[in-house]
Amino acid sequence: MTARFWITIALVAMLAACETKEKGEDKGTDEAQAEKTGGAPGDESGEAKKPEEKEQAASDMPAELMTDEIAEYQCGDIRNVHTYQGFVFAGQPNAEDLKIAKEKGIKTVLNLRPDSELKDFDEKAAAQEAGLEYIHLPFAGADELTDEVFDQAREILSTVERPVLFHCGSANRVGTLWMAYRAIDGGLSLEEAMAEAKTVGMRSPQYEEKAKNYVQRKKGE
C-alpha cells in the first residue's frame, strides 16, 4: 500500500474523533441547560418546573393559615375563628376585620349569609374595597339547605383561591357544609367529618341531619 493510502486513513480517523468530541460537548451543553430550565435536554421551555411552581404557590401561604389540624385563630374581632390548610372558618366579620384578613394573607371571602341578614352592611363592597375576592352562597335555615347548595359548596371549596375566609353568622352553617365536603371530597369517614364540623362550629341538629342525609345518599350513588 502507498504512503498516500495510509495518510488518508489517518485523516479519516482524526475527523471521526473530532466529530465524536463535538457531539459529547453539545450533549453536555444541552444537559446543563436542562438543569437550569427544569426541562428535558434541548428544551428551553422550562415546562417541567410547573409542579414545583404549584408547590411554591402553596408554600407562599402564611404558615399560620396552613395548619395540619383544625386550630383556633384570631382575626380582628371575628367570633369563633379556626384555620386548617388555608381555610379560615368564622362567624361574621365587619369591614375592619376584612382589612385585617387581607393583611394576614387571606385572598377570598365566602359568605353564606343572605343579604336580608346583613341589612346595614354591604359585605361585597367592603370585601372588594379591602382587596379580597368575594363569593356569595346564601341560605337561611335548614329548609333552604338543599342538595344544590351542598353541590355548589363542594365545587367552591374544591376550587377556591386560598386562603379563604369561609363564614356565616356564627360558623354553624360553615361547619355543616364543611362536613359534607370532607366526607365526600376529603376522604374522611362520616364520623370524622362530623367531628371536624362540630369543632368548626356546627351545632344545629337540623343542619347535622341534612348533611348526614346528603353524604349517605351521595356515597351510595
Protein backbone atom coordinates (compact mmCIF):
# COMPACT_ATOMS: atom_id res chain seq x y z
CA MET A 1 0.00 0.00 0.00
CA THR A 2 1.24 3.54 -0.79
CA ALA A 3 2.04 6.25 1.73
CA ARG A 4 -0.88 8.27 0.33
CA PHE A 5 -3.31 5.47 1.37
CA TRP A 6 -2.10 5.45 4.99
CA ILE A 7 -2.20 9.27 5.17
CA THR A 8 -5.85 9.20 4.01
CA ILE A 9 -6.75 6.59 6.64
CA ALA A 10 -5.17 8.71 9.36
CA LEU A 11 -7.06 11.85 8.27
CA VAL A 12 -10.40 9.99 8.29
CA ALA A 13 -9.73 8.69 11.83
CA MET A 14 -8.84 12.19 13.05
CA LEU A 15 -12.03 13.70 11.58
CA ALA A 16 -14.16 10.97 13.20
CA ALA A 17 -12.56 11.60 16.59
CA CYS A 18 -13.24 15.36 16.35
CA GLU A 19 -16.90 14.79 15.42
CA THR A 20 -17.41 12.47 18.42
CA LYS A 21 -15.89 15.03 20.78
CA GLU A 22 -18.12 17.84 19.45
CA LYS A 23 -21.26 15.74 19.93
CA GLY A 24 -20.24 14.98 23.51
CA GLU A 25 -19.72 18.70 24.20
CA ASP A 26 -23.11 19.56 22.66
CA LYS A 27 -24.81 16.92 24.82
CA GLY A 28 -23.16 18.31 27.92
CA THR A 29 -24.38 21.80 26.99
CA ASP A 30 -27.95 20.53 26.49
CA GLU A 31 -27.93 18.71 29.82
CA ALA A 32 -26.58 21.77 31.60
CA GLN A 33 -29.33 23.88 30.01
CA ALA A 34 -31.90 21.32 31.08
CA GLU A 35 -30.74 21.58 34.68
CA LYS A 36 -31.16 25.35 34.54
CA THR A 37 -34.63 25.34 32.96
CA GLY A 38 -36.05 22.20 34.55
CA GLY A 39 -36.88 20.81 31.10
CA ALA A 40 -35.57 17.94 29.01
CA PRO A 41 -32.22 18.24 27.22
CA GLY A 42 -32.59 20.65 24.30
CA ASP A 43 -35.84 22.04 25.79
CA GLU A 44 -35.58 25.64 27.00
CA SER A 45 -39.28 25.99 27.77
CA GLY A 46 -38.90 25.02 31.44
CA GLU A 47 -42.30 23.27 31.41
CA ALA A 48 -41.03 20.57 33.77
CA LYS A 49 -40.89 23.20 36.51
CA LYS A 50 -44.68 23.53 36.69
CA PRO A 51 -45.19 21.04 39.57
CA GLU A 52 -42.51 22.88 41.57
CA GLU A 53 -44.21 26.19 40.81
CA LYS A 54 -47.50 24.82 42.16
CA GLU A 55 -45.77 23.67 45.34
CA GLN A 56 -44.17 27.08 45.67
CA ALA A 57 -47.56 28.76 45.32
CA ALA A 58 -48.90 26.65 48.20
CA SER A 59 -45.84 27.40 50.32
CA ASP A 60 -46.43 31.12 49.78
CA MET A 61 -49.50 30.91 52.00
CA PRO A 62 -48.86 32.09 55.58
CA ALA A 63 -47.79 29.17 57.77
CA GLU A 64 -50.30 30.12 60.47
CA LEU A 65 -53.11 29.50 57.98
CA MET A 66 -51.72 26.15 56.79
CA THR A 67 -52.22 24.15 59.99
CA ASP A 68 -52.37 20.37 59.62
CA GLU A 69 -55.18 20.18 62.15
CA ILE A 70 -58.11 22.50 62.84
CA ALA A 71 -56.79 25.16 65.20
CA GLU A 72 -58.16 28.27 66.85
CA TYR A 73 -57.23 31.53 65.17
CA GLN A 74 -57.70 35.26 65.68
CA CYS A 75 -58.64 37.77 63.00
CA GLY A 76 -59.75 41.13 64.32
CA ASP A 77 -62.98 40.88 66.30
CA ILE A 78 -64.49 37.93 64.40
CA ARG A 79 -66.01 35.28 66.65
CA ASN A 80 -65.35 31.53 66.55
CA VAL A 81 -62.41 31.51 64.14
CA HIS A 82 -60.48 28.36 63.22
CA THR A 83 -57.99 27.58 60.47
CA TYR A 84 -56.98 24.50 58.51
CA GLN A 85 -54.92 24.20 55.30
CA GLY A 86 -55.78 27.68 54.03
CA PHE A 87 -59.43 27.59 55.12
CA VAL A 88 -60.40 30.11 57.80
CA PHE A 89 -63.77 29.20 59.33
CA ALA A 90 -65.54 32.05 61.10
CA GLY A 91 -68.55 34.00 62.23
CA GLN A 92 -69.49 37.38 60.78
CA PRO A 93 -66.67 39.85 60.03
CA ASN A 94 -67.04 43.62 59.83
CA ALA A 95 -65.31 45.97 57.39
CA GLU A 96 -62.27 46.41 59.64
CA ASP A 97 -61.99 42.63 60.12
CA LEU A 98 -61.88 42.21 56.35
CA LYS A 99 -58.98 44.66 56.09
CA ILE A 100 -57.15 42.72 58.80
CA ALA A 101 -57.91 39.47 56.97
CA LYS A 102 -56.27 40.90 53.86
CA GLU A 103 -53.20 41.89 55.87
CA LYS A 104 -52.98 38.36 57.26
CA GLY A 105 -52.79 36.92 53.73
CA ILE A 106 -56.41 35.94 53.12
CA LYS A 107 -57.39 36.27 49.46
CA THR A 108 -61.05 35.29 49.24
CA VAL A 109 -64.27 35.68 51.26
CA LEU A 110 -67.01 33.04 51.02
CA ASN A 111 -70.19 34.31 52.67
CA LEU A 112 -73.15 32.03 53.44
CA ARG A 113 -75.48 34.71 54.82
CA PRO A 114 -78.37 36.15 52.76
CA ASP A 115 -78.46 39.91 52.23
CA SER A 116 -81.56 40.03 54.45
CA GLU A 117 -79.32 39.17 57.40
CA LEU A 118 -76.90 41.99 56.56
CA LYS A 119 -79.23 44.95 56.09
CA ASP A 120 -76.76 47.55 57.36
CA PHE A 121 -73.59 46.07 55.89
CA ASP A 122 -72.62 45.77 52.23
CA GLU A 123 -70.13 42.95 52.67
CA LYS A 124 -69.37 42.58 48.98
CA ALA A 125 -68.34 46.22 48.70
CA ALA A 126 -66.32 46.03 51.93
CA ALA A 127 -64.51 42.89 50.76
CA GLN A 128 -63.68 44.38 47.39
CA GLU A 129 -62.51 47.62 48.99
CA ALA A 130 -60.18 45.55 51.17
CA GLY A 131 -58.78 43.86 48.04
CA LEU A 132 -60.48 40.49 48.56
CA GLU A 133 -62.32 38.29 46.12
CA TYR A 134 -65.95 37.79 47.15
CA ILE A 135 -68.16 34.69 46.71
CA HIS A 136 -71.76 34.56 47.91
CA LEU A 137 -73.60 31.28 48.56
CA PRO A 138 -76.54 32.32 50.74
CA PHE A 139 -79.01 30.12 52.60
CA ALA A 140 -81.02 30.69 55.75
CA GLY A 141 -82.22 27.75 57.79
CA ALA A 142 -82.38 24.02 57.19
CA ASP A 143 -85.28 24.36 54.72
CA GLU A 144 -83.01 26.23 52.30
CA LEU A 145 -80.13 23.79 52.70
CA THR A 146 -80.77 21.83 49.50
CA ASP A 147 -78.64 19.36 47.56
CA GLU A 148 -77.86 22.19 45.15
CA VAL A 149 -76.36 24.25 47.99
CA PHE A 150 -74.25 21.29 49.10
CA ASP A 151 -73.15 20.65 45.49
CA GLN A 152 -72.20 24.28 44.89
CA ALA A 153 -70.35 24.48 48.21
CA ARG A 154 -68.28 21.39 47.41
CA GLU A 155 -67.36 22.80 44.00
CA ILE A 156 -66.35 26.15 45.51
CA LEU A 157 -64.33 24.59 48.31
CA SER A 158 -62.51 22.39 45.78
CA THR A 159 -61.51 25.29 43.53
CA VAL A 160 -61.49 28.49 45.60
CA GLU A 161 -58.30 30.51 45.84
CA ARG A 162 -56.97 30.12 49.35
CA PRO A 163 -56.53 31.34 51.99
CA VAL A 164 -60.30 31.83 52.14
CA LEU A 165 -62.39 33.34 54.93
CA PHE A 166 -65.39 30.96 55.00
CA HIS A 167 -68.11 32.43 57.18
CA CYS A 168 -71.75 32.74 58.16
CA GLY A 169 -73.16 34.35 61.31
CA SER A 170 -71.55 32.04 63.87
CA ALA A 171 -69.88 29.24 61.78
CA ASN A 172 -72.88 26.92 62.29
CA ARG A 173 -73.67 26.82 58.56
CA VAL A 174 -69.95 26.78 57.74
CA GLY A 175 -69.44 23.58 59.74
CA THR A 176 -72.42 21.95 58.04
CA LEU A 177 -71.09 22.46 54.52
CA TRP A 178 -67.59 21.52 55.66
CA MET A 179 -68.93 18.20 56.94
CA ALA A 180 -70.32 17.27 53.52
CA TYR A 181 -67.18 18.41 51.71
CA ARG A 182 -64.82 16.49 53.97
CA ALA A 183 -66.88 13.30 53.99
CA ILE A 184 -67.25 13.16 50.21
CA ASP A 185 -64.25 15.03 48.78
CA GLY A 186 -61.81 14.89 51.69
CA GLY A 187 -61.75 11.13 52.22
CA LEU A 188 -62.95 11.24 55.82
CA SER A 189 -65.49 8.91 57.36
CA LEU A 190 -68.87 10.40 58.21
CA GLU A 191 -67.95 10.34 61.90
CA GLU A 192 -64.61 12.08 61.33
CA ALA A 193 -66.20 14.73 59.13
CA MET A 194 -68.92 15.31 61.69
CA ALA A 195 -66.33 15.79 64.44
CA GLU A 196 -64.50 18.39 62.35
CA ALA A 197 -67.77 20.15 61.57
CA LYS A 198 -68.61 20.48 65.25
CA THR A 199 -65.12 21.75 66.04
CA VAL A 200 -65.54 24.39 63.35
CA GLY A 201 -68.95 25.48 64.63
CA MET A 202 -71.83 23.21 63.55
CA ARG A 203 -74.30 22.86 66.43
CA SER A 204 -77.76 22.68 64.84
CA PRO A 205 -79.31 19.16 64.90
CA GLN A 206 -81.34 20.08 61.80
CA TYR A 207 -78.22 21.05 59.85
CA GLU A 208 -76.41 17.95 61.05
CA GLU A 209 -79.23 15.70 59.88
CA LYS A 210 -79.33 17.42 56.48
CA ALA A 211 -75.59 16.98 55.98
CA LYS A 212 -75.66 13.37 57.16
CA ASN A 213 -78.51 12.51 54.79
CA TYR A 214 -76.77 14.22 51.86
CA VAL A 215 -73.49 12.41 52.48
CA GLN A 216 -75.11 9.00 52.81
CA ARG A 217 -77.06 9.44 49.57
CA LYS A 218 -74.04 10.72 47.64
CA LYS A 219 -71.77 7.97 48.85
CA GLY A 220 -74.42 5.41 47.96
CA GLU A 221 -74.67 6.58 44.33
